[in-house]
């Protein structure tokens, strides 16, 4: 979880899960990549409606980025999570806000 300015508020792996990327990369993803992509995508929102989520589908996992009022959440999902469930996951994350 990070603020709109990219400051990381919370970053944690589930117990028993081994990261596929170096720890420094996770912070870069939250601080820079996600912030830039959300800001770029939200430029279109005045014409096409609010941004629900952004999805990166890698060979080994799926990353779901959900914009919030004052920041965003990035969640890594296993590849077998059906893409039809992404909007439901996004909604559940926003309801926690």
PDB file of N, CA and C in Angstrom:
ATOM      1  N   UNK A   1       0.859  -1.162   0.000  1.00  0.00           N
ATOM      2  CA  UNK A   1       0.000   0.000   0.000  1.00  0.00           C
ATOM      3  C   UNK A   1       0.901   1.220   0.000  1.00  0.00           C
ATOM      4  N   UNK A   2       0.547   2.221  -0.794  1.00  0.00           N
ATOM      5  CA  UNK A   2       1.336   3.439  -0.895  1.00  0.00           C
ATOM      6  C   UNK A   2       0.412   4.646  -1.038  1.00  0.00           C
ATOM      7  N   UNK A   3       0.944   5.819  -0.729  1.00  0.00           N
ATOM      8  CA  UNK A   3       0.189   7.055  -0.887  1.00  0.00           C
ATOM      9  C   UNK A   3       0.209   7.478  -2.355  1.00  0.00           C
ATOM     10  N   UNK A   4      -0.581   8.491  -2.690  1.00  0.00           N
ATOM     11  CA  UNK A   4      -0.590   9.018  -4.051  1.00  0.00           C
ATOM     12  C   UNK A   4       0.775   9.568  -4.461  1.00  0.00           C
ATOM     13  N   UNK A   5       1.597   9.919  -3.495  1.00  0.00           N
ATOM     14  CA  UNK A   5       2.945  10.421  -3.775  1.00  0.00           C
ATOM     15  C   UNK A   5       3.961   9.290  -3.869  1.00  0.00           C
ATOM     16  N   UNK A   6       3.539   8.045  -3.658  1.00  0.00           N
ATOM     17  CA  UNK A   6       4.419   6.900  -3.788  1.00  0.00           C
ATOM     18  C   UNK A   6       5.104   6.477  -2.499  1.00  0.00           C
ATOM     19  N   UNK A   7       4.772   7.107  -1.375  1.00  0.00           N
ATOM     20  CA  UNK A   7       5.377   6.702  -0.098  1.00  0.00           C
ATOM     21  C   UNK A   7       4.749   5.393   0.369  1.00  0.00           C
ATOM     22  N   UNK A   8       5.572   4.386   0.586  1.00  0.00           N
ATOM     23  CA  UNK A   8       5.076   3.072   0.995  1.00  0.00           C
ATOM     24  C   UNK A   8       4.587   3.136   2.441  1.00  0.00           C
ATOM     25  N   UNK A   9       3.331   2.730   2.652  1.00  0.00           N
ATOM     26  CA  UNK A   9       2.721   2.701   3.974  1.00  0.00           C
ATOM     27  C   UNK A   9       2.832   1.309   4.580  1.00  0.00           C
ATOM     28  N   UNK A  10       2.644   0.302   3.739  1.00  0.00           N
ATOM     29  CA  UNK A  10       2.620  -1.083   4.221  1.00  0.00           C
ATOM     30  C   UNK A  10       3.057  -2.000   3.092  1.00  0.00           C
ATOM     31  N   UNK A  11       3.961  -2.915   3.393  1.00  0.00           N
ATOM     32  CA  UNK A  11       4.382  -3.922   2.416  1.00  0.00           C
ATOM     33  C   UNK A  11       4.720  -5.195   3.178  1.00  0.00           C
ATOM     34  N   UNK A  12       4.021  -6.276   2.870  1.00  0.00           N
ATOM     35  CA  UNK A  12       4.249  -7.521   3.596  1.00  0.00           C
ATOM     36  C   UNK A  12       3.897  -8.712   2.718  1.00  0.00           C
ATOM     37  N   UNK A  13       4.700  -9.763   2.854  1.00  0.00           N
ATOM     38  CA  UNK A  13       4.414 -11.021   2.176  1.00  0.00           C
ATOM     39  C   UNK A  13       3.634 -11.911   3.140  1.00  0.00           C
ATOM     40  N   UNK A  14       2.802 -12.746   2.601  1.00  0.00           N
ATOM     41  CA  UNK A  14       2.101 -13.749   3.392  1.00  0.00           C
ATOM     42  C   UNK A  14       3.116 -14.728   3.973  1.00  0.00           C
ATOM     43  N   UNK A  15       2.897 -15.217   5.186  1.00  0.00           N
ATOM     44  CA  UNK A  15       3.788 -16.201   5.804  1.00  0.00           C
ATOM     45  C   UNK A  15       3.911 -17.435   4.917  1.00  0.00           C
ATOM     46  N   UNK A  16       5.130 -17.911   4.771  1.00  0.00           N
ATOM     47  CA  UNK A  16       5.368 -19.121   3.997  1.00  0.00           C
ATOM     48  C   UNK A  16       5.526 -18.904   2.507  1.00  0.00           C
ATOM     49  N   UNK A  17       5.366 -17.673   2.033  1.00  0.00           N
ATOM     50  CA  UNK A  17       5.505 -17.377   0.608  1.00  0.00           C
ATOM     51  C   UNK A  17       6.894 -16.810   0.361  1.00  0.00           C
ATOM     52  N   UNK A  18       7.576 -17.348  -0.633  1.00  0.00           N
ATOM     53  CA  UNK A  18       8.900 -16.870  -0.994  1.00  0.00           C
ATOM     54  C   UNK A  18       8.768 -15.898  -2.157  1.00  0.00           C
ATOM     55  N   UNK A  19       9.383 -14.739  -2.022  1.00  0.00           N
ATOM     56  CA  UNK A  19       9.316 -13.721  -3.068  1.00  0.00           C
ATOM     57  C   UNK A  19      10.065 -14.160  -4.318  1.00  0.00           C
ATOM     58  N   UNK A  20       9.545 -13.795  -5.467  1.00  0.00           N
ATOM     59  CA  UNK A  20      10.208 -14.084  -6.741  1.00  0.00           C
ATOM     60  C   UNK A  20      11.093 -12.926  -7.175  1.00  0.00           C
ATOM     61  N   UNK A  21      10.978 -11.795  -6.516  1.00  0.00           N
ATOM     62  CA  UNK A  21      11.755 -10.609  -6.879  1.00  0.00           C
ATOM     63  C   UNK A  21      12.521 -10.104  -5.661  1.00  0.00           C
ATOM     64  N   UNK A  22      13.611  -9.366  -5.880  1.00  0.00           N
ATOM     65  CA  UNK A  22      14.354  -8.820  -4.740  1.00  0.00           C
ATOM     66  C   UNK A  22      13.525  -7.796  -3.973  1.00  0.00           C
ATOM     67  N   UNK A  23      13.800  -7.653  -2.682  1.00  0.00           N
ATOM     68  CA  UNK A  23      13.054  -6.708  -1.844  1.00  0.00           C
ATOM     69  C   UNK A  23      13.133  -5.293  -2.395  1.00  0.00           C
ATOM     70  N   UNK A  24      14.275  -4.894  -2.922  1.00  0.00           N
ATOM     71  CA  UNK A  24      14.424  -3.535  -3.465  1.00  0.00           C
ATOM     72  C   UNK A  24      13.478  -3.305  -4.635  1.00  0.00           C
ATOM     73  N   UNK A  25      13.192  -4.333  -5.396  1.00  0.00           N
ATOM     74  CA  UNK A  25      12.291  -4.217  -6.537  1.00  0.00           C
ATOM     75  C   UNK A  25      10.858  -3.974  -6.091  1.00  0.00           C
ATOM     76  N   UNK A  26      10.433  -4.592  -4.996  1.00  0.00           N
ATOM     77  CA  UNK A  26       9.068  -4.396  -4.501  1.00  0.00           C
ATOM     78  C   UNK A  26       8.825  -2.928  -4.161  1.00  0.00           C
ATOM     79  N   UNK A  27       9.785  -2.314  -3.487  1.00  0.00           N
ATOM     80  CA  UNK A  27       9.619  -0.908  -3.122  1.00  0.00           C
ATOM     81  C   UNK A  27       9.623  -0.028  -4.357  1.00  0.00           C
ATOM     82  N   UNK A  28      10.460  -0.339  -5.333  1.00  0.00           N
ATOM     83  CA  UNK A  28      10.473   0.427  -6.581  1.00  0.00           C
ATOM     84  C   UNK A  28       9.119   0.307  -7.273  1.00  0.00           C
ATOM     85  N   UNK A  29       8.553  -0.894  -7.289  1.00  0.00           N
ATOM     86  CA  UNK A  29       7.239  -1.094  -7.899  1.00  0.00           C
ATOM     87  C   UNK A  29       6.198  -0.206  -7.234  1.00  0.00           C
ATOM     88  N   UNK A  30       6.169  -0.206  -5.902  1.00  0.00           N
ATOM     89  CA  UNK A  30       5.182   0.585  -5.173  1.00  0.00           C
ATOM     90  C   UNK A  30       5.456   2.085  -5.289  1.00  0.00           C
ATOM     91  N   UNK A  31       6.718   2.478  -5.199  1.00  0.00           N
ATOM     92  CA  UNK A  31       7.056   3.890  -5.160  1.00  0.00           C
ATOM     93  C   UNK A  31       6.987   4.561  -6.523  1.00  0.00           C
ATOM     94  N   UNK A  32       7.373   3.868  -7.565  1.00  0.00           N
ATOM     95  CA  UNK A  32       7.518   4.531  -8.859  1.00  0.00           C
ATOM     96  C   UNK A  32       6.566   3.986  -9.921  1.00  0.00           C
ATOM     97  N   UNK A  33       6.694   2.701 -10.228  1.00  0.00           N
ATOM     98  CA  UNK A  33       5.944   2.141 -11.364  1.00  0.00           C
ATOM     99  C   UNK A  33       4.439   2.274 -11.181  1.00  0.00           C
ATOM    100  N   UNK A  34       3.924   1.818 -10.054  1.00  0.00           N
ATOM    101  CA  UNK A  34       2.473   1.859  -9.846  1.00  0.00           C
ATOM    102  C   UNK A  34       1.953   3.284  -9.853  1.00  0.00           C
ATOM    103  N   UNK A  35       2.651   4.193  -9.189  1.00  0.00           N
ATOM    104  CA  UNK A  35       2.219   5.588  -9.139  1.00  0.00           C
ATOM    105  C   UNK A  35       2.162   6.193 -10.545  1.00  0.00           C
ATOM    106  N   UNK A  36       3.189   5.988 -11.323  1.00  0.00           N
ATOM    107  CA  UNK A  36       3.241   6.542 -12.683  1.00  0.00           C
ATOM    108  C   UNK A  36       2.123   5.981 -13.554  1.00  0.00           C
ATOM    109  N   UNK A  37       1.923   4.675 -13.487  1.00  0.00           N
ATOM    110  CA  UNK A  37       0.908   4.051 -14.341  1.00  0.00           C
ATOM    111  C   UNK A  37      -0.497   4.478 -13.937  1.00  0.00           C
ATOM    112  N   UNK A  38      -0.763   4.565 -12.645  1.00  0.00           N
ATOM    113  CA  UNK A  38      -2.084   5.010 -12.191  1.00  0.00           C
ATOM    114  C   UNK A  38      -2.337   6.444 -12.627  1.00  0.00           C
ATOM    115  N   UNK A  39      -1.361   7.311 -12.417  1.00  0.00           N
ATOM    116  CA  UNK A  39      -1.530   8.709 -12.829  1.00  0.00           C
ATOM    117  C   UNK A  39      -1.779   8.812 -14.327  1.00  0.00           C
ATOM    118  N   UNK A  40      -1.052   8.042 -15.115  1.00  0.00           N
ATOM    119  CA  UNK A  40      -1.242   8.050 -16.570  1.00  0.00           C
ATOM    120  C   UNK A  40      -2.629   7.558 -16.948  1.00  0.00           C
ATOM    121  N   UNK A  41      -3.069   6.462 -16.344  1.00  0.00           N
ATOM    122  CA  UNK A  41      -4.380   5.900 -16.659  1.00  0.00           C
ATOM    123  C   UNK A  41      -5.506   6.832 -16.216  1.00  0.00           C
ATOM    124  N   UNK A  42      -5.327   7.501 -15.078  1.00  0.00           N
ATOM    125  CA  UNK A  42      -6.388   8.369 -14.573  1.00  0.00           C
ATOM    126  C   UNK A  42      -6.579   9.628 -15.417  1.00  0.00           C
ATOM    127  N   UNK A  43      -5.612   9.957 -16.264  1.00  0.00           N
ATOM    128  CA  UNK A  43      -5.787  11.080 -17.187  1.00  0.00           C
ATOM    129  C   UNK A  43      -6.955  10.832 -18.134  1.00  0.00           C
ATOM    130  N   UNK A  44      -7.215   9.567 -18.425  1.00  0.00           N
ATOM    131  CA  UNK A  44      -8.314   9.193 -19.317  1.00  0.00           C
ATOM    132  C   UNK A  44      -9.670   9.171 -18.608  1.00  0.00           C
ATOM    133  N   UNK A  45      -9.671   9.165 -17.295  1.00  0.00           N
ATOM    134  CA  UNK A  45     -10.911   8.945 -16.547  1.00  0.00           C
ATOM    135  C   UNK A  45     -11.974  10.002 -16.804  1.00  0.00           C
ATOM    136  N   UNK A  46     -11.585  11.199 -17.128  1.00  0.00           N
ATOM    137  CA  UNK A  46     -12.621  12.224 -17.384  1.00  0.00           C
ATOM    138  C   UNK A  46     -13.442  11.911 -18.629  1.00  0.00           C
ATOM    139  N   UNK A  47     -12.906  11.081 -19.517  1.00  0.00           N
ATOM    140  CA  UNK A  47     -13.657  10.723 -20.723  1.00  0.00           C
ATOM    141  C   UNK A  47     -14.278   9.329 -20.636  1.00  0.00           C
ATOM    142  N   UNK A  48     -13.623   8.418 -19.916  1.00  0.00           N
ATOM    143  CA  UNK A  48     -14.073   7.022 -19.947  1.00  0.00           C
ATOM    144  C   UNK A  48     -14.562   6.494 -18.610  1.00  0.00           C
ATOM    145  N   UNK A  49     -14.525   7.317 -17.570  1.00  0.00           N
ATOM    146  CA  UNK A  49     -14.989   6.896 -16.251  1.00  0.00           C
ATOM    147  C   UNK A  49     -13.829   6.557 -15.342  1.00  0.00           C
ATOM    148  N   UNK A  50     -14.123   6.381 -14.058  1.00  0.00           N
ATOM    149  CA  UNK A  50     -13.061   6.135 -13.076  1.00  0.00           C
ATOM    150  C   UNK A  50     -12.330   4.815 -13.299  1.00  0.00           C
ATOM    151  N   UNK A  51     -11.073   4.818 -12.925  1.00  0.00           N
ATOM    152  CA  UNK A  51     -10.222   3.634 -13.035  1.00  0.00           C
ATOM    153  C   UNK A  51     -10.589   2.639 -11.941  1.00  0.00           C
ATOM    154  N   UNK A  52     -10.867   1.404 -12.318  1.00  0.00           N
ATOM    155  CA  UNK A  52     -11.195   0.362 -11.345  1.00  0.00           C
ATOM    156  C   UNK A  52      -9.929  -0.328 -10.839  1.00  0.00           C
ATOM    157  N   UNK A  53      -9.108  -0.806 -11.751  1.00  0.00           N
ATOM    158  CA  UNK A  53      -7.855  -1.465 -11.376  1.00  0.00           C
ATOM    159  C   UNK A  53      -6.966  -1.570 -12.608  1.00  0.00           C
ATOM    160  N   UNK A  54      -5.704  -1.856 -12.359  1.00  0.00           N
ATOM    161  CA  UNK A  54      -4.740  -2.120 -13.422  1.00  0.00           C
ATOM    162  C   UNK A  54      -4.178  -3.505 -13.153  1.00  0.00           C
ATOM    163  N   UNK A  55      -4.007  -4.273 -14.208  1.00  0.00           N
ATOM    164  CA  UNK A  55      -3.510  -5.631 -14.063  1.00  0.00           C
ATOM    165  C   UNK A  55      -2.254  -5.827 -14.900  1.00  0.00           C
ATOM    166  N   UNK A  56      -1.229  -6.407 -14.274  1.00  0.00           N
ATOM    167  CA  UNK A  56      -0.035  -6.849 -14.976  1.00  0.00           C
ATOM    168  C   UNK A  56      -0.043  -8.366 -14.908  1.00  0.00           C
ATOM    169  N   UNK A  57       0.015  -8.998 -16.044  1.00  0.00           N
ATOM    170  CA  UNK A  57       0.008 -10.456 -16.072  1.00  0.00           C
ATOM    171  C   UNK A  57       1.394 -10.932 -16.499  1.00  0.00           C
ATOM    172  N   UNK A  58       2.154 -11.428 -15.523  1.00  0.00           N
ATOM    173  CA  UNK A  58       3.483 -11.956 -15.773  1.00  0.00           C
ATOM    174  C   UNK A  58       3.408 -13.469 -15.931  1.00  0.00           C
ATOM    175  N   UNK A  59       4.487 -14.064 -16.326  1.00  0.00           N
ATOM    176  CA  UNK A  59       4.517 -15.516 -16.497  1.00  0.00           C
ATOM    177  C   UNK A  59       4.236 -16.244 -15.184  1.00  0.00           C
ATOM    178  N   UNK A  60       4.738 -15.700 -14.064  1.00  0.00           N
ATOM    179  CA  UNK A  60       4.660 -16.420 -12.796  1.00  0.00           C
ATOM    180  C   UNK A  60       3.569 -15.923 -11.854  1.00  0.00           C
ATOM    181  N   UNK A  61       3.056 -14.736 -12.050  1.00  0.00           N
ATOM    182  CA  UNK A  61       1.995 -14.211 -11.190  1.00  0.00           C
ATOM    183  C   UNK A  61       1.298 -13.034 -11.862  1.00  0.00           C
ATOM    184  N   UNK A  62       0.214 -12.606 -11.256  1.00  0.00           N
ATOM    185  CA  UNK A  62      -0.550 -11.446 -11.719  1.00  0.00           C
ATOM    186  C   UNK A  62      -0.466 -10.387 -10.633  1.00  0.00           C
ATOM    187  N   UNK A  63      -0.206  -9.160 -11.036  1.00  0.00           N
ATOM    188  CA  UNK A  63      -0.207  -8.053 -10.088  1.00  0.00           C
ATOM    189  C   UNK A  63      -1.437  -7.193 -10.345  1.00  0.00           C
ATOM    190  N   UNK A  64      -2.202  -6.958  -9.316  1.00  0.00           N
ATOM    191  CA  UNK A  64      -3.418  -6.157  -9.395  1.00  0.00           C
ATOM    192  C   UNK A  64      -3.164  -4.867  -8.612  1.00  0.00           C
ATOM    193  N   UNK A  65      -3.319  -3.730  -9.270  1.00  0.00           N
ATOM    194  CA  UNK A  65      -3.125  -2.439  -8.617  1.00  0.00           C
ATOM    195  C   UNK A  65      -4.482  -1.752  -8.546  1.00  0.00           C
ATOM    196  N   UNK A  66      -4.868  -1.380  -7.334  1.00  0.00           N
ATOM    197  CA  UNK A  66      -6.183  -0.786  -7.091  1.00  0.00           C
ATOM    198  C   UNK A  66      -5.996   0.636  -6.568  1.00  0.00           C
ATOM    199  N   UNK A  67      -6.481   1.635  -7.322  1.00  0.00           N
ATOM    200  CA  UNK A  67      -6.380   3.005  -6.830  1.00  0.00           C
ATOM    201  C   UNK A  67      -7.385   3.251  -5.701  1.00  0.00           C
ATOM    202  N   UNK A  68      -6.945   3.999  -4.707  1.00  0.00           N
ATOM    203  CA  UNK A  68      -7.797   4.395  -3.588  1.00  0.00           C
ATOM    204  C   UNK A  68      -7.899   5.916  -3.583  1.00  0.00           C
ATOM    205  N   UNK A  69      -8.670   6.439  -2.658  1.00  0.00           N
ATOM    206  CA  UNK A  69      -8.842   7.884  -2.564  1.00  0.00           C
ATOM    207  C   UNK A  69      -7.506   8.600  -2.355  1.00  0.00           C
ATOM    208  N   UNK A  70      -6.692   8.103  -1.437  1.00  0.00           N
ATOM    209  CA  UNK A  70      -5.437   8.768  -1.093  1.00  0.00           C
ATOM    210  C   UNK A  70      -4.205   7.923  -1.391  1.00  0.00           C
ATOM    211  N   UNK A  71      -4.330   6.913  -2.226  1.00  0.00           N
ATOM    212  CA  UNK A  71      -3.191   6.058  -2.535  1.00  0.00           C
ATOM    213  C   UNK A  71      -3.601   4.901  -3.408  1.00  0.00           C
ATOM    214  N   UNK A  72      -2.918   3.795  -3.239  1.00  0.00           N
ATOM    215  CA  UNK A  72      -3.226   2.603  -4.018  1.00  0.00           C
ATOM    216  C   UNK A  72      -2.684   1.372  -3.309  1.00  0.00           C
ATOM    217  N   UNK A  73      -3.240   0.230  -3.689  1.00  0.00           N
ATOM    218  CA  UNK A  73      -2.814  -1.059  -3.156  1.00  0.00           C
ATOM    219  C   UNK A  73      -2.377  -1.916  -4.337  1.00  0.00           C
ATOM    220  N   UNK A  74      -1.253  -2.595  -4.175  1.00  0.00           N
ATOM    221  CA  UNK A  74      -0.785  -3.558  -5.168  1.00  0.00           C
ATOM    222  C   UNK A  74      -0.799  -4.938  -4.523  1.00  0.00           C
ATOM    223  N   UNK A  75      -1.454  -5.879  -5.185  1.00  0.00           N
ATOM    224  CA  UNK A  75      -1.580  -7.239  -4.666  1.00  0.00           C
ATOM    225  C   UNK A  75      -1.112  -8.206  -5.748  1.00  0.00           C
ATOM    226  N   UNK A  76      -0.284  -9.162  -5.356  1.00  0.00           N
ATOM    227  CA  UNK A  76       0.126 -10.208  -6.287  1.00  0.00           C
ATOM    228  C   UNK A  76      -0.786 -11.411  -6.114  1.00  0.00           C
ATOM    229  N   UNK A  77      -1.263 -11.919  -7.236  1.00  0.00           N
ATOM    230  CA  UNK A  77      -2.182 -13.051  -7.243  1.00  0.00           C
ATOM    231  C   UNK A  77      -1.541 -14.227  -7.958  1.00  0.00           C
ATOM    232  N   UNK A  78      -1.947 -15.412  -7.571  1.00  0.00           N
ATOM    233  CA  UNK A  78      -1.493 -16.594  -8.291  1.00  0.00           C
ATOM    234  C   UNK A  78      -2.153 -16.621  -9.666  1.00  0.00           C
ATOM    235  N   UNK A  79      -1.474 -17.242 -10.618  1.00  0.00           N
ATOM    236  CA  UNK A  79      -1.954 -17.253 -12.003  1.00  0.00           C
ATOM    237  C   UNK A  79      -3.309 -17.927 -12.179  1.00  0.00           C
ATOM    238  N   UNK A  80      -3.684 -18.822 -11.256  1.00  0.00           N
ATOM    239  CA  UNK A  80      -4.938 -19.539 -11.433  1.00  0.00           C
ATOM    240  C   UNK A  80      -6.156 -18.756 -10.924  1.00  0.00           C
ATOM    241  N   UNK A  81      -5.951 -17.548 -10.409  1.00  0.00           N
ATOM    242  CA  UNK A  81      -7.088 -16.708 -10.007  1.00  0.00           C
ATOM    243  C   UNK A  81      -7.746 -16.220 -11.295  1.00  0.00           C
ATOM    244  N   UNK A  82      -9.032 -16.508 -11.495  1.00  0.00           N
ATOM    245  CA  UNK A  82      -9.691 -16.134 -12.752  1.00  0.00           C
ATOM    246  C   UNK A  82      -9.762 -14.619 -12.935  1.00  0.00           C
ATOM    247  N   UNK A  83      -9.469 -14.171 -14.135  1.00  0.00           N
ATOM    248  CA  UNK A  83      -9.480 -12.732 -14.418  1.00  0.00           C
ATOM    249  C   UNK A  83     -10.856 -12.108 -14.183  1.00  0.00           C
ATOM    250  N   UNK A  84     -11.911 -12.897 -14.281  1.00  0.00           N
ATOM    251  CA  UNK A  84     -13.258 -12.374 -14.032  1.00  0.00           C
ATOM    252  C   UNK A  84     -13.425 -11.916 -12.583  1.00  0.00           C
ATOM    253  N   UNK A  85     -12.556 -12.404 -11.698  1.00  0.00           N
ATOM    254  CA  UNK A  85     -12.678 -12.042 -10.290  1.00  0.00           C
ATOM    255  C   UNK A  85     -11.922 -10.751  -9.943  1.00  0.00           C
ATOM    256  N   UNK A  86     -11.137 -10.213 -10.848  1.00  0.00           N
ATOM    257  CA  UNK A  86     -10.353  -9.009 -10.546  1.00  0.00           C
ATOM    258  C   UNK A  86     -11.229  -7.825 -10.133  1.00  0.00           C
ATOM    259  N   UNK A  87     -12.330  -7.525 -10.831  1.00  0.00           N
ATOM    260  CA  UNK A  87     -13.177  -6.413 -10.377  1.00  0.00           C
ATOM    261  C   UNK A  87     -13.746  -6.639  -8.969  1.00  0.00           C
ATOM    262  N   UNK A  88     -14.087  -7.882  -8.642  1.00  0.00           N
ATOM    263  CA  UNK A  88     -14.614  -8.199  -7.309  1.00  0.00           C
ATOM    264  C   UNK A  88     -13.528  -7.988  -6.247  1.00  0.00           C
ATOM    265  N   UNK A  89     -12.305  -8.411  -6.542  1.00  0.00           N
ATOM    266  CA  UNK A  89     -11.189  -8.205  -5.613  1.00  0.00           C
ATOM    267  C   UNK A  89     -10.930  -6.713  -5.440  1.00  0.00           C
ATOM    268  N   UNK A  90     -10.940  -5.981  -6.528  1.00  0.00           N
ATOM    269  CA  UNK A  90     -10.733  -4.538  -6.491  1.00  0.00           C
ATOM    270  C   UNK A  90     -11.792  -3.851  -5.626  1.00  0.00           C
ATOM    271  N   UNK A  91     -13.031  -4.242  -5.804  1.00  0.00           N
ATOM    272  CA  UNK A  91     -14.118  -3.669  -5.013  1.00  0.00           C
ATOM    273  C   UNK A  91     -13.945  -3.981  -3.526  1.00  0.00           C
ATOM    274  N   UNK A  92     -13.563  -5.227  -3.209  1.00  0.00           N
ATOM    275  CA  UNK A  92     -13.369  -5.621  -1.808  1.00  0.00           C
ATOM    276  C   UNK A  92     -12.246  -4.814  -1.159  1.00  0.00           C
ATOM    277  N   UNK A  93     -11.189  -4.547  -1.910  1.00  0.00           N
ATOM    278  CA  UNK A  93     -10.090  -3.740  -1.380  1.00  0.00           C
ATOM    279  C   UNK A  93     -10.565  -2.317  -1.102  1.00  0.00           C
ATOM    280  N   UNK A  94     -11.300  -1.732  -2.032  1.00  0.00           N
ATOM    281  CA  UNK A  94     -11.796  -0.352  -1.840  1.00  0.00           C
ATOM    282  C   UNK A  94     -12.775  -0.282  -0.663  1.00  0.00           C
ATOM    283  N   UNK A  95     -13.530  -1.335  -0.417  1.00  0.00           N
ATOM    284  CA  UNK A  95     -14.477  -1.334   0.708  1.00  0.00           C
ATOM    285  C   UNK A  95     -13.758  -1.348   2.060  1.00  0.00           C
ATOM    286  N   UNK A  96     -12.494  -1.766   2.098  1.00  0.00           N
ATOM    287  CA  UNK A  96     -11.714  -1.752   3.329  1.00  0.00           C
ATOM    288  C   UNK A  96     -11.230  -0.349   3.690  1.00  0.00           C
ATOM    289  N   UNK A  97     -11.260   0.539   2.727  1.00  0.00           N
ATOM    290  CA  UNK A  97     -10.742   1.895   2.903  1.00  0.00           C
ATOM    291  C   UNK A  97     -11.473   2.659   3.972  1.00  0.00           C
TER     292      UNK A  97
END
